[in-house]
Each structure stands twice: as C-alpha cells, then as structure tokens.
Amino acid sequence: MVLYFAIVGRNDSPLYQSHLTVPRRATPATSPPAAASSRDDLLSFILHASLDAVDHKIWTTTHAYLHQVDKFNDIIVSAYVTAGNIKLLLLHDSQLMMQQAVNPNSSRHHHTQQQLDDSHIRQFFESIYELYVVYLLHPFHSAQAVIEDKLFDTKVKQTAVKFLAR
C-alpha cells in the first residue's frame, strides 16, 4: 500500500514529507533501496504535480477537506487546505478508498464502506492539522521553515496508524 504524506507551504514548497507505513494483514515484499528511492521520487513528483488540481478545487468549495483532487494510475491524491493556504496532501492506493469493491452484497453496502474510508482520511487530516497548529505555536519555529522535528514525525506516523490502518 502506498501512503505518502506532505505538508506544502503557501509558496508550494514542501514543509514536511513522509512515507507512511501502516500495518496490514499482508505485508508487501521489500524493495531494494535504489527502487525505494526512485519510488519516493515518483511519489513526490505526483504530489507536486497535483498542486494545480488542488489550487483549482479550492475555488469550487468552501470546505477544508477537498476529498480526491487528482489521480495517477492507481494512486489517489487527497487534500486538505487550511485557512492560511497550507496544503496537507495524502497519496494512497485506490484500494484504501474501495476495500469492499471485490465482494459487495449490494451497491448500497459498497457506497457506505467508501464513505467510511473517506471519513477516516478526513479525520486523519483534521488530526494532523491540529498537530501542525500546536507545532506552529512553538516560539522558535518559523511558519515557512521545513519541519525536521522527530517528535512531530513520530506523531504523524502514529496518527496514520490510528486512522488509516483499518
């Protein structure tokens, strides 16, 4: 499963990026370090290419959570934009949005499961936003500085496990 998260500043510069891993029933085979590096570069490229779609979608809604804003093959980009125009972006496989697509009992059941997974992504974004606001309250941190705090990174990963490992 692909889970890649980033916080992007007002001038479209990355403030924080992380490749998230959440426990699943089946663990994928590990890839060589060179392949993992090129995969992270591809995910970063997809994320930054989706910023235009995020900027476009901002003008079509009044909500902070923008849902799915872009798609590249089987990778979906979901976004959350703060009042200060800070963008929280999550890249994830389409399986995260459609876990019950293989064996649904009815179309109504399938739709309910999809909404539930979408709400988990929204809750993840809201929790990360709260964490980000608390981080910004630190007197020695600039709002446009890159976040390199290990405690912040740990809390982001714990939040991913809490809301996205379902």
Protein backbone atom coordinates (compact mmCIF):
# COMPACT_ATOMS: atom_id res chain seq x y z
CA MET A 1 0.00 0.00 0.00
CA VAL A 2 1.25 3.45 -0.92
CA LEU A 3 0.89 6.09 1.76
CA TYR A 4 2.85 9.28 1.23
CA PHE A 5 2.04 12.44 3.17
CA ALA A 6 3.24 16.01 2.75
CA ILE A 7 2.58 19.46 4.12
CA VAL A 8 3.09 22.12 1.45
CA GLY A 9 3.55 25.80 2.28
CA ARG A 10 1.97 28.88 0.73
CA ASN A 11 4.60 29.18 -1.98
CA ASP A 12 4.22 25.48 -2.91
CA SER A 13 7.41 24.50 -1.12
CA PRO A 14 7.38 21.26 0.89
CA LEU A 15 7.44 21.82 4.64
CA TYR A 16 7.20 18.15 5.61
CA GLN A 17 7.24 14.87 3.67
CA SER A 18 6.95 11.33 4.94
CA HIS A 19 6.49 7.87 3.52
CA LEU A 20 3.98 6.34 5.95
CA THR A 21 3.71 2.66 6.69
CA VAL A 22 0.69 1.23 8.41
CA PRO A 23 0.31 -2.39 9.50
CA ARG A 24 -1.75 -4.57 7.16
CA ARG A 25 -2.69 -8.24 7.08
CA ALA A 26 -0.36 -8.98 4.17
CA THR A 27 2.97 -7.22 4.08
CA PRO A 28 4.43 -6.45 0.65
CA ALA A 29 7.88 -7.69 -0.31
CA THR A 30 10.62 -5.23 0.47
CA SER A 31 12.19 -3.49 -2.47
CA PRO A 32 15.88 -2.69 -2.86
CA PRO A 33 16.97 0.74 -1.54
CA ALA A 34 17.51 2.14 -5.06
CA ALA A 35 13.98 1.14 -6.08
CA ALA A 36 12.56 2.64 -2.88
CA SER A 37 14.40 5.89 -3.56
CA SER A 38 13.07 6.16 -7.11
CA ARG A 39 9.57 5.27 -5.82
CA ASP A 40 9.75 8.14 -3.29
CA ASP A 41 10.90 10.48 -6.06
CA LEU A 42 7.93 9.41 -8.19
CA LEU A 43 5.52 9.93 -5.28
CA SER A 44 6.98 13.36 -4.60
CA PHE A 45 6.60 14.24 -8.29
CA ILE A 46 2.95 13.07 -8.33
CA LEU A 47 2.25 15.06 -5.19
CA HIS A 48 3.73 18.27 -6.57
CA ALA A 49 2.05 17.79 -9.95
CA SER A 50 -1.31 17.63 -8.15
CA LEU A 51 -0.88 21.10 -6.62
CA ASP A 52 -2.53 22.70 -9.68
CA ALA A 53 -5.57 20.47 -9.18
CA VAL A 54 -5.66 21.47 -5.51
CA ASP A 55 -5.49 25.18 -6.41
CA HIS A 56 -8.34 24.69 -8.88
CA LYS A 57 -10.52 22.75 -6.44
CA ILE A 58 -10.07 25.36 -3.69
CA TRP A 59 -12.24 27.73 -5.72
CA THR A 60 -15.07 25.21 -6.14
CA THR A 61 -15.78 24.51 -2.47
CA THR A 62 -15.89 26.18 0.93
CA HIS A 63 -14.74 23.07 2.80
CA ALA A 64 -11.19 22.50 4.02
CA TYR A 65 -11.26 18.81 3.11
CA LEU A 66 -11.18 18.59 -0.69
CA HIS A 67 -11.53 14.77 -0.99
CA GLN A 68 -9.88 13.29 -4.08
CA VAL A 69 -8.22 16.02 -6.13
CA ASP A 70 -6.08 14.04 -8.56
CA LYS A 71 -5.28 10.51 -9.68
CA PHE A 72 -2.23 8.92 -11.29
CA ASN A 73 -2.75 5.29 -12.35
CA ASP A 74 -3.91 3.63 -9.11
CA ILE A 75 -2.59 6.38 -6.81
CA ILE A 76 -5.13 8.87 -5.48
CA VAL A 77 -4.25 12.31 -4.11
CA SER A 78 -6.50 13.57 -1.30
CA ALA A 79 -6.11 17.10 0.03
CA TYR A 80 -6.95 19.34 2.96
CA VAL A 81 -6.31 23.09 2.77
CA THR A 82 -6.08 25.29 5.84
CA ALA A 83 -7.34 28.87 6.15
CA GLY A 84 -3.71 30.01 5.82
CA ASN A 85 -3.41 28.17 2.46
CA ILE A 86 -1.21 25.39 3.84
CA LYS A 87 -1.93 22.19 1.93
CA LEU A 88 -1.98 18.75 3.53
CA LEU A 89 -1.70 16.08 0.83
CA LEU A 90 -2.01 12.31 1.11
CA LEU A 91 -1.14 9.90 -1.69
CA HIS A 92 -2.75 6.50 -1.30
CA ASP A 93 -3.72 3.47 -3.32
CA SER A 94 -7.23 3.25 -4.67
CA GLN A 95 -7.70 0.12 -2.51
CA LEU A 96 -7.89 2.39 0.55
CA MET A 97 -11.00 4.01 -0.91
CA MET A 98 -12.59 0.79 -2.21
CA GLN A 99 -11.78 -2.00 0.19
CA GLN A 100 -15.14 -3.74 -0.29
CA ALA A 101 -15.21 -3.49 -4.10
CA VAL A 102 -14.28 -7.17 -4.56
CA ASN A 103 -17.24 -8.73 -2.75
CA PRO A 104 -20.04 -6.22 -2.11
CA ASN A 105 -23.50 -7.56 -1.22
CA SER A 106 -25.19 -4.59 -2.83
CA SER A 107 -24.31 -1.21 -4.29
CA ARG A 108 -25.68 0.46 -1.15
CA HIS A 109 -23.29 -1.52 1.09
CA HIS A 110 -20.36 -0.63 -1.19
CA HIS A 111 -21.23 3.08 -1.06
CA THR A 112 -21.42 3.03 2.76
CA GLN A 113 -17.97 1.41 3.02
CA GLN A 114 -16.46 4.02 0.68
CA GLN A 115 -17.88 6.88 2.76
CA LEU A 116 -16.49 5.31 5.91
CA ASP A 117 -12.98 5.16 4.44
CA ASP A 118 -13.29 8.75 3.20
CA SER A 119 -14.20 9.82 6.73
CA HIS A 120 -11.05 8.13 8.04
CA ILE A 121 -8.95 10.18 5.65
CA ARG A 122 -10.79 13.35 6.72
CA GLN A 123 -10.20 12.50 10.41
CA PHE A 124 -6.52 11.88 9.64
CA PHE A 125 -6.22 15.32 8.03
CA GLU A 126 -8.03 17.05 10.91
CA SER A 127 -5.78 15.38 13.49
CA ILE A 128 -2.65 16.30 11.53
CA TYR A 129 -3.90 19.88 11.21
CA GLU A 130 -4.32 20.10 14.99
CA LEU A 131 -0.81 18.68 15.42
CA TYR A 132 0.56 21.21 12.90
CA VAL A 133 -1.11 24.15 14.70
CA VAL A 134 0.38 23.03 18.01
CA TYR A 135 3.78 22.76 16.31
CA LEU A 136 3.44 26.30 14.92
CA LEU A 137 2.86 27.64 18.43
CA HIS A 138 6.49 26.77 19.26
CA PRO A 139 8.24 30.15 19.61
CA PHE A 140 11.44 29.04 17.82
CA HIS A 141 9.74 27.73 14.68
CA SER A 142 9.13 29.81 11.56
CA ALA A 143 5.86 29.14 9.73
CA GLN A 144 7.62 28.58 6.37
CA ALA A 145 10.54 26.53 7.73
CA VAL A 146 10.93 22.85 6.91
CA ILE A 147 9.72 20.61 9.73
CA GLU A 148 12.51 18.26 10.81
CA ASP A 149 11.33 17.51 14.35
CA LYS A 150 11.47 13.78 15.14
CA LEU A 151 8.62 14.07 17.66
CA PHE A 152 6.38 15.65 15.01
CA ASP A 153 7.33 12.86 12.59
CA THR A 154 6.53 10.20 15.19
CA LYS A 155 3.14 11.74 15.95
CA VAL A 156 2.27 11.94 12.24
CA LYS A 157 3.07 8.25 11.84
CA GLN A 158 1.07 7.34 14.95
CA THR A 159 -1.89 9.29 13.58
CA ALA A 160 -1.60 7.43 10.27
CA VAL A 161 -1.72 4.10 12.10
CA LYS A 162 -4.72 5.27 14.14
CA PHE A 163 -6.87 6.43 11.23
CA LEU A 164 -5.57 4.71 8.08
CA ALA A 165 -4.77 1.19 9.29
CA ARG A 166 -8.32 -0.13 9.08
